[in-house]
Amino acid sequence: MVTKRKLPVRDGISLEFVEAGDEKGIPLLLIHGIADSWNAFLRLHPFLDRNLRMIAPYLRGHGESDKPVAAMTAKKWQMT
């Protein structure tokens, strides 16, 4: 089952992410490339170990993740 969620990160920005697999499984973080989405990983799901939990966030400005209004700087790209 695939579940979509949003996570607030900072400066009022929220990232959408998708989870699939065993909720208590070993987390596997999947990061898409520029102008791509988590859909690129969806076809992998049937081939992965059943003990994995896929987590695939949309990067800022992609999918339903928020797009900052102000110009992006290296400092703003930090996820701390």
PDB file of N, CA and C in Angstrom:
ATOM      1  N   MET A   1       0.838  -1.184   0.000  1.00  0.00           N
ATOM      2  CA  MET A   1       0.000   0.000   0.000  1.00  0.00           C
ATOM      3  C   MET A   1       0.884   1.250   0.000  1.00  0.00           C
ATOM      4  N   VAL A   2       0.506   2.237  -0.772  1.00  0.00           N
ATOM      5  CA  VAL A   2       1.246   3.494  -0.878  1.00  0.00           C
ATOM      6  C   VAL A   2       0.497   4.573  -0.109  1.00  0.00           C
ATOM      7  N   THR A   3       1.214   5.277   0.766  1.00  0.00           N
ATOM      8  CA  THR A   3       0.624   6.337   1.576  1.00  0.00           C
ATOM      9  C   THR A   3       1.357   7.643   1.299  1.00  0.00           C
ATOM     10  N   LYS A   4       0.615   8.726   1.049  1.00  0.00           N
ATOM     11  CA  LYS A   4       1.206  10.057   0.864  1.00  0.00           C
ATOM     12  C   LYS A   4       1.031  10.855   2.148  1.00  0.00           C
ATOM     13  N   ARG A   5       2.081  11.598   2.505  1.00  0.00           N
ATOM     14  CA  ARG A   5       2.029  12.459   3.694  1.00  0.00           C
ATOM     15  C   ARG A   5       2.795  13.742   3.410  1.00  0.00           C
ATOM     16  N   LYS A   6       2.599  14.739   4.271  1.00  0.00           N
ATOM     17  CA  LYS A   6       3.374  15.986   4.190  1.00  0.00           C
ATOM     18  C   LYS A   6       4.090  16.190   5.512  1.00  0.00           C
ATOM     19  N   LEU A   7       5.324  16.681   5.416  1.00  0.00           N
ATOM     20  CA  LEU A   7       6.156  16.898   6.589  1.00  0.00           C
ATOM     21  C   LEU A   7       6.667  18.330   6.576  1.00  0.00           C
ATOM     22  N   PRO A   8       6.327  19.143   7.622  1.00  0.00           N
ATOM     23  CA  PRO A   8       6.890  20.493   7.693  1.00  0.00           C
ATOM     24  C   PRO A   8       8.389  20.395   7.983  1.00  0.00           C
ATOM     25  N   VAL A   9       9.210  21.145   7.226  1.00  0.00           N
ATOM     26  CA  VAL A   9      10.652  21.070   7.446  1.00  0.00           C
ATOM     27  C   VAL A   9      11.236  22.345   8.038  1.00  0.00           C
ATOM     28  N   ARG A  10      10.998  23.511   7.443  1.00  0.00           N
ATOM     29  CA  ARG A  10      11.436  24.781   8.028  1.00  0.00           C
ATOM     30  C   ARG A  10      10.919  25.932   7.187  1.00  0.00           C
ATOM     31  N   ASP A  11      10.917  27.109   7.774  1.00  0.00           N
ATOM     32  CA  ASP A  11      10.481  28.330   7.076  1.00  0.00           C
ATOM     33  C   ASP A  11       9.103  28.193   6.441  1.00  0.00           C
ATOM     34  N   GLY A  12       8.232  27.401   7.070  1.00  0.00           N
ATOM     35  CA  GLY A  12       6.881  27.237   6.547  1.00  0.00           C
ATOM     36  C   GLY A  12       6.784  26.319   5.341  1.00  0.00           C
ATOM     37  N   ILE A  13       7.869  25.648   5.000  1.00  0.00           N
ATOM     38  CA  ILE A  13       7.908  24.742   3.847  1.00  0.00           C
ATOM     39  C   ILE A  13       7.541  23.329   4.298  1.00  0.00           C
ATOM     40  N   SER A  14       6.711  22.664   3.518  1.00  0.00           N
ATOM     41  CA  SER A  14       6.367  21.262   3.766  1.00  0.00           C
ATOM     42  C   SER A  14       6.762  20.432   2.558  1.00  0.00           C
ATOM     43  N   LEU A  15       7.275  19.227   2.825  1.00  0.00           N
ATOM     44  CA  LEU A  15       7.624  18.293   1.762  1.00  0.00           C
ATOM     45  C   LEU A  15       6.624  17.151   1.760  1.00  0.00           C
ATOM     46  N   GLU A  16       6.155  16.804   0.575  1.00  0.00           N
ATOM     47  CA  GLU A  16       5.308  15.623   0.447  1.00  0.00           C
ATOM     48  C   GLU A  16       6.235  14.419   0.320  1.00  0.00           C
ATOM     49  N   PHE A  17       5.847  13.311   0.937  1.00  0.00           N
ATOM     50  CA  PHE A  17       6.608  12.085   0.748  1.00  0.00           C
ATOM     51  C   PHE A  17       5.652  10.913   0.666  1.00  0.00           C
ATOM     52  N   VAL A  18       6.151   9.843   0.087  1.00  0.00           N
ATOM     53  CA  VAL A  18       5.360   8.640  -0.120  1.00  0.00           C
ATOM     54  C   VAL A  18       6.035   7.504   0.627  1.00  0.00           C
ATOM     55  N   GLU A  19       5.224   6.691   1.287  1.00  0.00           N
ATOM     56  CA  GLU A  19       5.729   5.506   1.974  1.00  0.00           C
ATOM     57  C   GLU A  19       5.062   4.275   1.387  1.00  0.00           C
ATOM     58  N   ALA A  20       5.813   3.194   1.298  1.00  0.00           N
ATOM     59  CA  ALA A  20       5.260   1.922   0.841  1.00  0.00           C
ATOM     60  C   ALA A  20       6.044   0.800   1.506  1.00  0.00           C
ATOM     61  N   GLY A  21       5.416  -0.331   1.651  1.00  0.00           N
ATOM     62  CA  GLY A  21       6.081  -1.487   2.251  1.00  0.00           C
ATOM     63  C   GLY A  21       5.709  -1.651   3.709  1.00  0.00           C
ATOM     64  N   ASP A  22       6.497  -2.480   4.395  1.00  0.00           N
ATOM     65  CA  ASP A  22       6.256  -2.809   5.795  1.00  0.00           C
ATOM     66  C   ASP A  22       6.503  -1.587   6.679  1.00  0.00           C
ATOM     67  N   GLU A  23       5.472  -1.147   7.385  1.00  0.00           N
ATOM     68  CA  GLU A  23       5.577   0.034   8.254  1.00  0.00           C
ATOM     69  C   GLU A  23       6.685  -0.107   9.293  1.00  0.00           C
ATOM     70  N   LYS A  24       6.967  -1.324   9.732  1.00  0.00           N
ATOM     71  CA  LYS A  24       8.009  -1.567  10.734  1.00  0.00           C
ATOM     72  C   LYS A  24       9.301  -2.070  10.096  1.00  0.00           C
ATOM     73  N   GLY A  25       9.357  -2.022   8.768  1.00  0.00           N
ATOM     74  CA  GLY A  25      10.523  -2.532   8.054  1.00  0.00           C
ATOM     75  C   GLY A  25      11.714  -1.593   8.107  1.00  0.00           C
ATOM     76  N   ILE A  26      12.808  -2.054   7.546  1.00  0.00           N
ATOM     77  CA  ILE A  26      14.031  -1.268   7.469  1.00  0.00           C
ATOM     78  C   ILE A  26      13.794  -0.121   6.484  1.00  0.00           C
ATOM     79  N   PRO A  27      14.002   1.135   6.907  1.00  0.00           N
ATOM     80  CA  PRO A  27      13.736   2.261   6.004  1.00  0.00           C
ATOM     81  C   PRO A  27      14.732   2.326   4.846  1.00  0.00           C
ATOM     82  N   LEU A  28      14.212   2.565   3.665  1.00  0.00           N
ATOM     83  CA  LEU A  28      15.013   2.759   2.462  1.00  0.00           C
ATOM     84  C   LEU A  28      14.593   4.096   1.871  1.00  0.00           C
ATOM     85  N   LEU A  29      15.486   5.094   1.947  1.00  0.00           N
ATOM     86  CA  LEU A  29      15.186   6.441   1.462  1.00  0.00           C
ATOM     87  C   LEU A  29      15.544   6.531  -0.017  1.00  0.00           C
ATOM     88  N   LEU A  30      14.567   6.899  -0.842  1.00  0.00           N
ATOM     89  CA  LEU A  30      14.743   6.997  -2.288  1.00  0.00           C
ATOM     90  C   LEU A  30      14.595   8.461  -2.698  1.00  0.00           C
ATOM     91  N   ILE A  31      15.643   9.045  -3.280  1.00  0.00           N
ATOM     92  CA  ILE A  31      15.642  10.457  -3.665  1.00  0.00           C
ATOM     93  C   ILE A  31      15.606  10.554  -5.191  1.00  0.00           C
ATOM     94  N   HIS A  32      14.600  11.237  -5.723  1.00  0.00           N
ATOM     95  CA  HIS A  32      14.486  11.381  -7.176  1.00  0.00           C
ATOM     96  C   HIS A  32      15.413  12.471  -7.696  1.00  0.00           C
ATOM     97  N   GLY A  33      15.613  12.481  -9.008  1.00  0.00           N
ATOM     98  CA  GLY A  33      16.446  13.495  -9.658  1.00  0.00           C
ATOM     99  C   GLY A  33      15.631  14.734  -9.998  1.00  0.00           C
ATOM    100  N   ILE A  34      16.289  15.704 -10.581  1.00  0.00           N
ATOM    101  CA  ILE A  34      15.631  16.953 -10.970  1.00  0.00           C
ATOM    102  C   ILE A  34      14.582  16.658 -12.036  1.00  0.00           C
ATOM    103  N   ALA A  35      13.428  17.287 -11.892  1.00  0.00           N
ATOM    104  CA  ALA A  35      12.290  17.142 -12.815  1.00  0.00           C
ATOM    105  C   ALA A  35      11.772  15.708 -12.868  1.00  0.00           C
ATOM    106  N   ASP A  36      11.916  14.971 -11.770  1.00  0.00           N
ATOM    107  CA  ASP A  36      11.412  13.601 -11.680  1.00  0.00           C
ATOM    108  C   ASP A  36      10.499  13.515 -10.468  1.00  0.00           C
ATOM    109  N   SER A  37      10.074  12.316 -10.105  1.00  0.00           N
ATOM    110  CA  SER A  37       9.191  12.152  -8.953  1.00  0.00           C
ATOM    111  C   SER A  37       9.365  10.765  -8.352  1.00  0.00           C
ATOM    112  N   TRP A  38       8.653  10.520  -7.271  1.00  0.00           N
ATOM    113  CA  TRP A  38       8.708   9.214  -6.616  1.00  0.00           C
ATOM    114  C   TRP A  38       8.161   8.116  -7.518  1.00  0.00           C
ATOM    115  N   ASN A  39       7.388   8.481  -8.534  1.00  0.00           N
ATOM    116  CA  ASN A  39       6.843   7.472  -9.446  1.00  0.00           C
ATOM    117  C   ASN A  39       7.944   6.645 -10.110  1.00  0.00           C
ATOM    118  N   ALA A  40       9.134   7.223 -10.223  1.00  0.00           N
ATOM    119  CA  ALA A  40      10.259   6.501 -10.812  1.00  0.00           C
ATOM    120  C   ALA A  40      10.595   5.249 -10.005  1.00  0.00           C
ATOM    121  N   PHE A  41      10.269   5.247  -8.720  1.00  0.00           N
ATOM    122  CA  PHE A  41      10.603   4.121  -7.852  1.00  0.00           C
ATOM    123  C   PHE A  41       9.446   3.142  -7.667  1.00  0.00           C
ATOM    124  N   LEU A  42       8.258   3.546  -8.073  1.00  0.00           N
ATOM    125  CA  LEU A  42       7.076   2.722  -7.823  1.00  0.00           C
ATOM    126  C   LEU A  42       7.208   1.328  -8.425  1.00  0.00           C
ATOM    127  N   ARG A  43       7.792   1.234  -9.584  1.00  0.00           N
ATOM    128  CA  ARG A  43       7.930  -0.081 -10.220  1.00  0.00           C
ATOM    129  C   ARG A  43       8.958  -0.967  -9.513  1.00  0.00           C
ATOM    130  N   LEU A  44       9.792  -0.394  -8.649  1.00  0.00           N
ATOM    131  CA  LEU A  44      10.753  -1.185  -7.868  1.00  0.00           C
ATOM    132  C   LEU A  44      10.088  -1.952  -6.735  1.00  0.00           C
ATOM    133  N   HIS A  45       9.011  -1.406  -6.231  1.00  0.00           N
ATOM    134  CA  HIS A  45       8.376  -1.929  -5.022  1.00  0.00           C
ATOM    135  C   HIS A  45       8.166  -3.444  -5.037  1.00  0.00           C
ATOM    136  N   PRO A  46       7.620  -4.039  -6.088  1.00  0.00           N
ATOM    137  CA  PRO A  46       7.389  -5.488  -6.071  1.00  0.00           C
ATOM    138  C   PRO A  46       8.673  -6.311  -5.989  1.00  0.00           C
ATOM    139  N   PHE A  47       9.816  -5.727  -6.357  1.00  0.00           N
ATOM    140  CA  PHE A  47      11.067  -6.473  -6.394  1.00  0.00           C
ATOM    141  C   PHE A  47      11.901  -6.325  -5.126  1.00  0.00           C
ATOM    142  N   LEU A  48      11.509  -5.420  -4.254  1.00  0.00           N
ATOM    143  CA  LEU A  48      12.282  -5.177  -3.031  1.00  0.00           C
ATOM    144  C   LEU A  48      11.907  -6.164  -1.942  1.00  0.00           C
ATOM    145  N   ASP A  49      12.829  -6.361  -1.034  1.00  0.00           N
ATOM    146  CA  ASP A  49      12.618  -7.232   0.120  1.00  0.00           C
ATOM    147  C   ASP A  49      11.365  -6.791   0.862  1.00  0.00           C
ATOM    148  N   ARG A  50      10.561  -7.720   1.279  1.00  0.00           N
ATOM    149  CA  ARG A  50       9.306  -7.414   1.987  1.00  0.00           C
ATOM    150  C   ARG A  50       9.548  -6.788   3.363  1.00  0.00           C
ATOM    151  N   ASN A  51      10.794  -6.842   3.853  1.00  0.00           N
ATOM    152  CA  ASN A  51      11.114  -6.256   5.155  1.00  0.00           C
ATOM    153  C   ASN A  51      11.565  -4.804   5.041  1.00  0.00           C
ATOM    154  N   LEU A  52      11.401  -4.199   3.864  1.00  0.00           N
ATOM    155  CA  LEU A  52      11.807  -2.811   3.662  1.00  0.00           C
ATOM    156  C   LEU A  52      10.610  -1.874   3.717  1.00  0.00           C
ATOM    157  N   ARG A  53      10.890  -0.660   4.108  1.00  0.00           N
ATOM    158  CA  ARG A  53       9.893   0.422   4.107  1.00  0.00           C
ATOM    159  C   ARG A  53      10.433   1.510   3.188  1.00  0.00           C
ATOM    160  N   MET A  54       9.848   1.656   2.012  1.00  0.00           N
ATOM    161  CA  MET A  54      10.289   2.675   1.060  1.00  0.00           C
ATOM    162  C   MET A  54       9.766   4.040   1.486  1.00  0.00           C
ATOM    163  N   ILE A  55      10.651   5.024   1.503  1.00  0.00           N
ATOM    164  CA  ILE A  55      10.273   6.408   1.792  1.00  0.00           C
ATOM    165  C   ILE A  55      10.848   7.257   0.658  1.00  0.00           C
ATOM    166  N   ALA A  56       9.959   7.912  -0.094  1.00  0.00           N
ATOM    167  CA  ALA A  56      10.392   8.689  -1.259  1.00  0.00           C
ATOM    168  C   ALA A  56       9.808  10.095  -1.183  1.00  0.00           C
ATOM    169  N   PRO A  57      10.613  11.076  -0.770  1.00  0.00           N
ATOM    170  CA  PRO A  57      10.110  12.451  -0.708  1.00  0.00           C
ATOM    171  C   PRO A  57      10.150  13.136  -2.072  1.00  0.00           C
ATOM    172  N   TYR A  58       9.225  14.059  -2.274  1.00  0.00           N
ATOM    173  CA  TYR A  58       9.321  14.982  -3.400  1.00  0.00           C
ATOM    174  C   TYR A  58      10.259  16.086  -2.936  1.00  0.00           C
ATOM    175  N   LEU A  59      11.236  16.444  -3.737  1.00  0.00           N
ATOM    176  CA  LEU A  59      12.119  17.544  -3.384  1.00  0.00           C
ATOM    177  C   LEU A  59      11.353  18.859  -3.449  1.00  0.00           C
ATOM    178  N   ARG A  60      11.905  19.907  -2.851  1.00  0.00           N
ATOM    179  CA  ARG A  60      11.244  21.222  -2.849  1.00  0.00           C
ATOM    180  C   ARG A  60      10.905  21.653  -4.271  1.00  0.00           C
ATOM    181  N   GLY A  61       9.670  22.109  -4.446  1.00  0.00           N
ATOM    182  CA  GLY A  61       9.230  22.575  -5.750  1.00  0.00           C
ATOM    183  C   GLY A  61       8.775  21.472  -6.691  1.00  0.00           C
ATOM    184  N   HIS A  62       8.809  20.221  -6.249  1.00  0.00           N
ATOM    185  CA  HIS A  62       8.363  19.089  -7.058  1.00  0.00           C
ATOM    186  C   HIS A  62       7.070  18.532  -6.462  1.00  0.00           C
ATOM    187  N   GLY A  63       6.221  17.974  -7.301  1.00  0.00           N
ATOM    188  CA  GLY A  63       4.987  17.342  -6.821  1.00  0.00           C
ATOM    189  C   GLY A  63       4.187  18.283  -5.943  1.00  0.00           C
ATOM    190  N   GLU A  64       3.725  17.767  -4.811  1.00  0.00           N
ATOM    191  CA  GLU A  64       2.944  18.570  -3.869  1.00  0.00           C
ATOM    192  C   GLU A  64       3.809  19.199  -2.781  1.00  0.00           C
ATOM    193  N   SER A  65       5.138  19.066  -2.880  1.00  0.00           N
ATOM    194  CA  SER A  65       6.021  19.760  -1.937  1.00  0.00           C
ATOM    195  C   SER A  65       5.963  21.248  -2.238  1.00  0.00           C
ATOM    196  N   ASP A  66       6.085  22.048  -1.186  1.00  0.00           N
ATOM    197  CA  ASP A  66       6.006  23.492  -1.357  1.00  0.00           C
ATOM    198  C   ASP A  66       7.187  24.022  -2.162  1.00  0.00           C
ATOM    199  N   LYS A  67       6.921  25.087  -2.891  1.00  0.00           N
ATOM    200  CA  LYS A  67       7.957  25.784  -3.649  1.00  0.00           C
ATOM    201  C   LYS A  67       8.175  27.127  -2.969  1.00  0.00           C
ATOM    202  N   PRO A  68       9.376  27.373  -2.455  1.00  0.00           N
ATOM    203  CA  PRO A  68       9.639  28.646  -1.795  1.00  0.00           C
ATOM    204  C   PRO A  68       9.465  29.816  -2.758  1.00  0.00           C
ATOM    205  N   VAL A  69       8.962  30.921  -2.240  1.00  0.00           N
ATOM    206  CA  VAL A  69       8.758  32.121  -3.050  1.00  0.00           C
ATOM    207  C   VAL A  69      10.087  32.836  -3.272  1.00  0.00           C
ATOM    208  N   ALA A  70      10.904  32.907  -2.219  1.00  0.00           N
ATOM    209  CA  ALA A  70      12.192  33.605  -2.300  1.00  0.00           C
ATOM    210  C   ALA A  70      13.215  32.746  -3.041  1.00  0.00           C
ATOM    211  N   ALA A  71      14.253  33.402  -3.538  1.00  0.00           N
ATOM    212  CA  ALA A  71      15.332  32.691  -4.229  1.00  0.00           C
ATOM    213  C   ALA A  71      15.983  31.683  -3.287  1.00  0.00           C
ATOM    214  N   MET A  72      16.395  30.560  -3.841  1.00  0.00           N
ATOM    215  CA  MET A  72      17.042  29.528  -3.038  1.00  0.00           C
ATOM    216  C   MET A  72      18.536  29.826  -2.916  1.00  0.00           C
ATOM    217  N   THR A  73      19.048  29.669  -1.709  1.00  0.00           N
ATOM    218  CA  THR A  73      20.478  29.800  -1.448  1.00  0.00           C
ATOM    219  C   THR A  73      20.953  28.475  -0.881  1.00  0.00           C
ATOM    220  N   ALA A  74      22.257  28.267  -0.837  1.00  0.00           N
ATOM    221  CA  ALA A  74      22.796  27.028  -0.271  1.00  0.00           C
ATOM    222  C   ALA A  74      22.311  26.848   1.166  1.00  0.00           C
ATOM    223  N   LYS A  75      22.237  27.926   1.913  1.00  0.00           N
ATOM    224  CA  LYS A  75      21.781  27.859   3.305  1.00  0.00           C
ATOM    225  C   LYS A  75      20.336  27.350   3.379  1.00  0.00           C
ATOM    226  N   LYS A  76      19.476  27.808   2.475  1.00  0.00           N
ATOM    227  CA  LYS A  76      18.072  27.388   2.495  1.00  0.00           C
ATOM    228  C   LYS A  76      17.894  25.939   2.072  1.00  0.00           C
ATOM    229  N   TRP A  77      18.827  25.386   1.292  1.00  0.00           N
ATOM    230  CA  TRP A  77      18.718  23.990   0.863  1.00  0.00           C
ATOM    231  C   TRP A  77      19.044  23.042   2.003  1.00  0.00           C
ATOM    232  N   GLN A  78      19.720  23.530   3.057  1.00  0.00           N
ATOM    233  CA  GLN A  78      20.022  22.682   4.207  1.00  0.00           C
ATOM    234  C   GLN A  78      18.728  22.188   4.824  1.00  0.00           C
ATOM    235  N   MET A  79      18.704  20.951   5.276  1.00  0.00           N
ATOM    236  CA  MET A  79      17.503  20.364   5.862  1.00  0.00           C
ATOM    237  C   MET A  79      17.623  20.255   7.377  1.00  0.00           C
ATOM    238  N   THR A  80      18.348  21.173   8.016  1.00  0.00           N
ATOM    239  CA  THR A  80      18.515  21.094   9.466  1.00  0.00           C
ATOM    240  C   THR A  80      17.499  21.946  10.170  1.00  0.00           C
TER     241      THR A  80
END
